[in-house]
PDB file of N, CA and C in Angstrom:
ATOM      1  N   MET A   1     -55.908  60.180 -41.804  1.00  0.00           N
ATOM      2  CA  MET A   1     -54.501  60.858 -41.440  1.00  0.00           C
ATOM      3  C   MET A   1     -54.776  62.007 -41.180  1.00  0.00           C
ATOM      4  N   SER A   2     -53.898  62.317 -39.955  1.00  0.00           N
ATOM      5  CA  SER A   2     -54.433  63.933 -39.258  1.00  0.00           C
ATOM      6  C   SER A   2     -52.863  64.674 -39.385  1.00  0.00           C
ATOM      7  N   CYS A   3     -52.149  64.477 -40.444  1.00  0.00           N
ATOM      8  CA  CYS A   3     -50.997  65.320 -40.873  1.00  0.00           C
ATOM      9  C   CYS A   3     -51.258  65.991 -42.090  1.00  0.00           C
ATOM     10  N   LYS A   4     -50.864  67.247 -42.098  1.00  0.00           N
ATOM     11  CA  LYS A   4     -50.871  67.868 -43.310  1.00  0.00           C
ATOM     12  C   LYS A   4     -49.821  67.693 -44.112  1.00  0.00           C
ATOM     13  N   CYS A   5     -48.590  67.414 -43.686  1.00  0.00           N
ATOM     14  CA  CYS A   5     -47.033  67.299 -44.368  1.00  0.00           C
ATOM     15  C   CYS A   5     -46.839  65.632 -44.653  1.00  0.00           C
ATOM     16  N   ALA A   6     -47.254  64.742 -44.505  1.00  0.00           N
ATOM     17  CA  ALA A   6     -46.508  63.625 -44.671  1.00  0.00           C
ATOM     18  C   ALA A   6     -47.681  62.826 -45.526  1.00  0.00           C
ATOM     19  N   GLU A   7     -46.819  62.083 -46.473  1.00  0.00           N
ATOM     20  CA  GLU A   7     -47.604  61.287 -47.716  1.00  0.00           C
ATOM     21  C   GLU A   7     -46.808  60.271 -47.391  1.00  0.00           C
ATOM     22  N   PHE A   8     -47.818  59.064 -48.076  1.00  0.00           N
ATOM     23  CA  PHE A   8     -46.979  57.496 -48.177  1.00  0.00           C
ATOM     24  C   PHE A   8     -46.469  57.288 -49.242  1.00  0.00           C
ATOM     25  N   ASP A   9     -45.239  56.735 -48.973  1.00  0.00           N
ATOM     26  CA  ASP A   9     -44.346  56.226 -49.969  1.00  0.00           C
ATOM     27  C   ASP A   9     -44.393  54.600 -50.206  1.00  0.00           C
ATOM     28  N   GLU A  10     -45.405  54.406 -51.315  1.00  0.00           N
ATOM     29  CA  GLU A  10     -45.422  53.093 -51.501  1.00  0.00           C
ATOM     30  C   GLU A  10     -44.379  52.201 -51.917  1.00  0.00           C
ATOM     31  N   ASP A  11     -43.242  52.691 -52.343  1.00  0.00           N
ATOM     32  CA  ASP A  11     -41.944  52.299 -52.471  1.00  0.00           C
ATOM     33  C   ASP A  11     -41.036  51.507 -51.282  1.00  0.00           C
ATOM     34  N   THR A  12     -41.261  52.703 -50.267  1.00  0.00           N
ATOM     35  CA  THR A  12     -40.543  52.443 -49.036  1.00  0.00           C
ATOM     36  C   THR A  12     -41.507  51.917 -48.032  1.00  0.00           C
ATOM     37  N   GLY A  13     -43.196  52.183 -47.967  1.00  0.00           N
ATOM     38  CA  GLY A  13     -44.120  51.604 -47.004  1.00  0.00           C
ATOM     39  C   GLY A  13     -43.873  52.564 -45.865  1.00  0.00           C
ATOM     40  N   ARG A  14     -43.333  53.470 -45.811  1.00  0.00           N
ATOM     41  CA  ARG A  14     -43.287  54.722 -44.981  1.00  0.00           C
ATOM     42  C   ARG A  14     -43.913  56.103 -45.448  1.00  0.00           C
ATOM     43  N   TYR A  15     -44.262  56.584 -44.302  1.00  0.00           N
ATOM     44  CA  TYR A  15     -44.838  57.982 -44.502  1.00  0.00           C
ATOM     45  C   TYR A  15     -43.533  58.926 -44.628  1.00  0.00           C
ATOM     46  N   VAL A  16     -43.558  59.757 -45.717  1.00  0.00           N
ATOM     47  CA  VAL A  16     -42.352  61.020 -45.904  1.00  0.00           C
ATOM     48  C   VAL A  16     -42.611  62.359 -45.496  1.00  0.00           C
ATOM     49  N   CYS A  17     -42.404  62.943 -44.898  1.00  0.00           N
ATOM     50  CA  CYS A  17     -42.190  64.323 -44.290  1.00  0.00           C
ATOM     51  C   CYS A  17     -42.165  65.567 -45.165  1.00  0.00           C
ATOM     52  N   GLU A  18     -43.133  66.250 -45.950  1.00  0.00           N
ATOM     53  CA  GLU A  18     -42.444  67.544 -46.725  1.00  0.00           C
ATOM     54  C   GLU A  18     -41.580  68.390 -45.902  1.00  0.00           C
ATOM     55  N   VAL A  19     -41.434  68.746 -44.546  1.00  0.00           N
ATOM     56  CA  VAL A  19     -40.726  69.557 -43.739  1.00  0.00           C
ATOM     57  C   VAL A  19     -39.369  69.059 -43.678  1.00  0.00           C
ATOM     58  N   SER A  20     -39.515  67.945 -43.568  1.00  0.00           N
ATOM     59  CA  SER A  20     -38.059  67.318 -42.804  1.00  0.00           C
ATOM     60  C   SER A  20     -37.343  66.908 -44.229  1.00  0.00           C
ATOM     61  N   GLY A  21     -38.159  66.367 -45.115  1.00  0.00           N
ATOM     62  CA  GLY A  21     -37.624  66.030 -46.387  1.00  0.00           C
ATOM     63  C   GLY A  21     -37.082  64.400 -45.768  1.00  0.00           C
ATOM     64  N   SER A  22     -37.577  63.543 -45.042  1.00  0.00           N
ATOM     65  CA  SER A  22     -37.568  62.158 -44.506  1.00  0.00           C
ATOM     66  C   SER A  22     -38.379  61.808 -44.096  1.00  0.00           C
ATOM     67  N   GLY A  23     -38.178  60.465 -43.219  1.00  0.00           N
ATOM     68  CA  GLY A  23     -39.424  59.534 -42.954  1.00  0.00           C
ATOM     69  C   GLY A  23     -40.077  60.432 -41.682  1.00  0.00           C
ATOM     70  N   CYS A  24     -41.210  60.328 -41.683  1.00  0.00           N
ATOM     71  CA  CYS A  24     -42.203  60.603 -40.582  1.00  0.00           C
ATOM     72  C   CYS A  24     -41.497  60.219 -39.060  1.00  0.00           C
ATOM     73  N   MET A  25     -41.786  60.981 -38.044  1.00  0.00           N
ATOM     74  CA  MET A  25     -41.081  60.218 -36.973  1.00  0.00           C
ATOM     75  C   MET A  25     -41.989  59.628 -36.026  1.00  0.00           C
ATOM     76  N   TYR A  26     -43.511  59.578 -36.487  1.00  0.00           N
ATOM     77  CA  TYR A  26     -44.631  58.820 -36.071  1.00  0.00           C
ATOM     78  C   TYR A  26     -45.226  57.681 -36.625  1.00  0.00           C
ATOM     79  N   PHE A  27     -45.677  56.651 -36.175  1.00  0.00           N
ATOM     80  CA  PHE A  27     -46.218  55.552 -36.658  1.00  0.00           C
ATOM     81  C   PHE A  27     -47.482  55.999 -37.523  1.00  0.00           C
ATOM     82  N   ILE A  28     -48.136  56.932 -36.995  1.00  0.00           N
ATOM     83  CA  ILE A  28     -49.260  57.439 -37.353  1.00  0.00           C
ATOM     84  C   ILE A  28     -49.269  58.879 -37.552  1.00  0.00           C
ATOM     85  N   PRO A  29     -48.872  59.693 -38.640  1.00  0.00           N
ATOM     86  CA  PRO A  29     -48.477  60.967 -38.734  1.00  0.00           C
ATOM     87  C   PRO A  29     -49.708  61.829 -38.299  1.00  0.00           C
ATOM     88  N   ASP A  30     -49.172  62.816 -37.352  1.00  0.00           N
ATOM     89  CA  ASP A  30     -49.723  63.545 -36.594  1.00  0.00           C
ATOM     90  C   ASP A  30     -49.365  65.023 -36.470  1.00  0.00           C
ATOM     91  N   SER A  31     -49.773  65.943 -37.342  1.00  0.00           N
ATOM     92  CA  SER A  31     -49.080  67.394 -37.576  1.00  0.00           C
ATOM     93  C   SER A  31     -48.949  68.231 -36.305  1.00  0.00           C
ATOM     94  N   LYS A  32     -50.234  68.216 -35.429  1.00  0.00           N
ATOM     95  CA  LYS A  32     -50.413  68.657 -34.188  1.00  0.00           C
ATOM     96  C   LYS A  32     -49.288  67.998 -33.138  1.00  0.00           C
ATOM     97  N   GLN A  33     -49.174  67.055 -33.031  1.00  0.00           N
ATOM     98  CA  GLN A  33     -48.075  66.455 -31.944  1.00  0.00           C
ATOM     99  C   GLN A  33     -46.881  66.837 -32.499  1.00  0.00           C
ATOM    100  N   CYS A  34     -46.356  66.655 -33.745  1.00  0.00           N
ATOM    101  CA  CYS A  34     -45.231  67.141 -34.319  1.00  0.00           C
ATOM    102  C   CYS A  34     -44.923  68.767 -33.712  1.00  0.00           C
ATOM    103  N   ALA A  35     -45.829  69.394 -34.168  1.00  0.00           N
ATOM    104  CA  ALA A  35     -45.571  71.228 -33.534  1.00  0.00           C
ATOM    105  C   ALA A  35     -45.126  70.938 -32.318  1.00  0.00           C
ATOM    106  N   LYS A  36     -45.839  70.291 -31.463  1.00  0.00           N
ATOM    107  CA  LYS A  36     -45.765  70.431 -29.816  1.00  0.00           C
ATOM    108  C   LYS A  36     -44.214  69.981 -29.625  1.00  0.00           C
ATOM    109  N   ASP A  37     -43.994  68.859 -30.274  1.00  0.00           N
ATOM    110  CA  ASP A  37     -42.770  67.883 -29.707  1.00  0.00           C
ATOM    111  C   ASP A  37     -41.433  68.846 -30.742  1.00  0.00           C
ATOM    112  N   TYR A  38     -41.556  68.770 -31.873  1.00  0.00           N
ATOM    113  CA  TYR A  38     -40.418  69.666 -32.753  1.00  0.00           C
ATOM    114  C   TYR A  38     -40.710  70.918 -33.305  1.00  0.00           C
ATOM    115  N   GLY A  39     -41.924  71.666 -32.649  1.00  0.00           N
ATOM    116  CA  GLY A  39     -42.175  73.030 -33.330  1.00  0.00           C
ATOM    117  C   GLY A  39     -42.232  73.056 -35.001  1.00  0.00           C
ATOM    118  N   GLU A  40     -42.490  72.245 -35.377  1.00  0.00           N
ATOM    119  CA  GLU A  40     -42.187  72.248 -37.093  1.00  0.00           C
ATOM    120  C   GLU A  40     -43.481  72.144 -37.634  1.00  0.00           C
ATOM    121  N   GLY A  41     -43.548  72.478 -38.798  1.00  0.00           N
ATOM    122  CA  GLY A  41     -44.935  72.297 -39.497  1.00  0.00           C
ATOM    123  C   GLY A  41     -45.821  73.100 -39.766  1.00  0.00           C
ATOM    124  N   PRO A  42     -46.936  72.928 -40.329  1.00  0.00           N
ATOM    125  CA  PRO A  42     -47.883  74.081 -40.704  1.00  0.00           C
ATOM    126  C   PRO A  42     -48.583  74.386 -39.111  1.00  0.00           C
ATOM    127  N   ASP A  43     -48.706  73.378 -38.405  1.00  0.00           N
ATOM    128  CA  ASP A  43     -49.442  73.545 -36.954  1.00  0.00           C
ATOM    129  C   ASP A  43     -48.502  74.107 -35.970  1.00  0.00           C
ATOM    130  N   ALA A  44     -47.173  74.487 -36.286  1.00  0.00           N
ATOM    131  CA  ALA A  44     -46.102  75.001 -35.317  1.00  0.00           C
ATOM    132  C   ALA A  44     -46.810  76.592 -35.012  1.00  0.00           C
ATOM    133  N   CYS A  45     -47.062  77.076 -36.327  1.00  0.00           N
ATOM    134  CA  CYS A  45     -47.547  78.611 -36.199  1.00  0.00           C
ATOM    135  C   CYS A  45     -48.906  78.763 -35.331  1.00  0.00           C
ATOM    136  N   GLU A  46     -49.780  77.779 -35.519  1.00  0.00           N
ATOM    137  CA  GLU A  46     -50.876  77.784 -34.608  1.00  0.00           C
ATOM    138  C   GLU A  46     -50.998  77.506 -33.195  1.00  0.00           C
ATOM    139  N   GLU A  47     -49.838  76.786 -32.921  1.00  0.00           N
ATOM    140  CA  GLU A  47     -49.363  76.415 -31.397  1.00  0.00           C
ATOM    141  C   GLU A  47     -48.960  77.411 -30.732  1.00  0.00           C
ATOM    142  N   GLU A  48     -47.953  78.075 -31.565  1.00  0.00           N
ATOM    143  CA  GLU A  48     -47.076  79.637 -30.886  1.00  0.00           C
ATOM    144  C   GLU A  48     -48.145  80.656 -30.723  1.00  0.00           C
ATOM    145  N   GLU A  49     -49.047  80.771 -31.984  1.00  0.00           N
ATOM    146  CA  GLU A  49     -50.523  81.817 -31.768  1.00  0.00           C
ATOM    147  C   GLU A  49     -51.337  81.631 -30.725  1.00  0.00           C
ATOM    148  N   ASP A  50     -51.355  80.309 -29.907  1.00  0.00           N
ATOM    149  CA  ASP A  50     -52.413  79.728 -28.961  1.00  0.00           C
ATOM    150  C   ASP A  50     -51.721  80.065 -27.845  1.00  0.00           C
ATOM    151  N   GLU A  51     -50.316  80.116 -27.426  1.00  0.00           N
ATOM    152  CA  GLU A  51     -49.672  80.300 -25.983  1.00  0.00           C
ATOM    153  C   GLU A  51     -49.847  82.035 -26.010  1.00  0.00           C
ATOM    154  N   GLY A  52     -49.521  82.561 -27.088  1.00  0.00           N
ATOM    155  CA  GLY A  52     -49.211  84.108 -27.016  1.00  0.00           C
ATOM    156  C   GLY A  52     -50.519  84.948 -26.455  1.00  0.00           C
TER     157      GLY A  52
END
């Protein structure tokens, strides 16, 4: 898995995001794509530094 914030919840069968507190927006969690699309998560800081 390529996300640092999502964990699989066996009870619901979905990935749960630690940042949003709800289900992951992606079928396969991807923290770098989440940073690009939503500006959230641990990779969001890295994205900002790369642009600057």
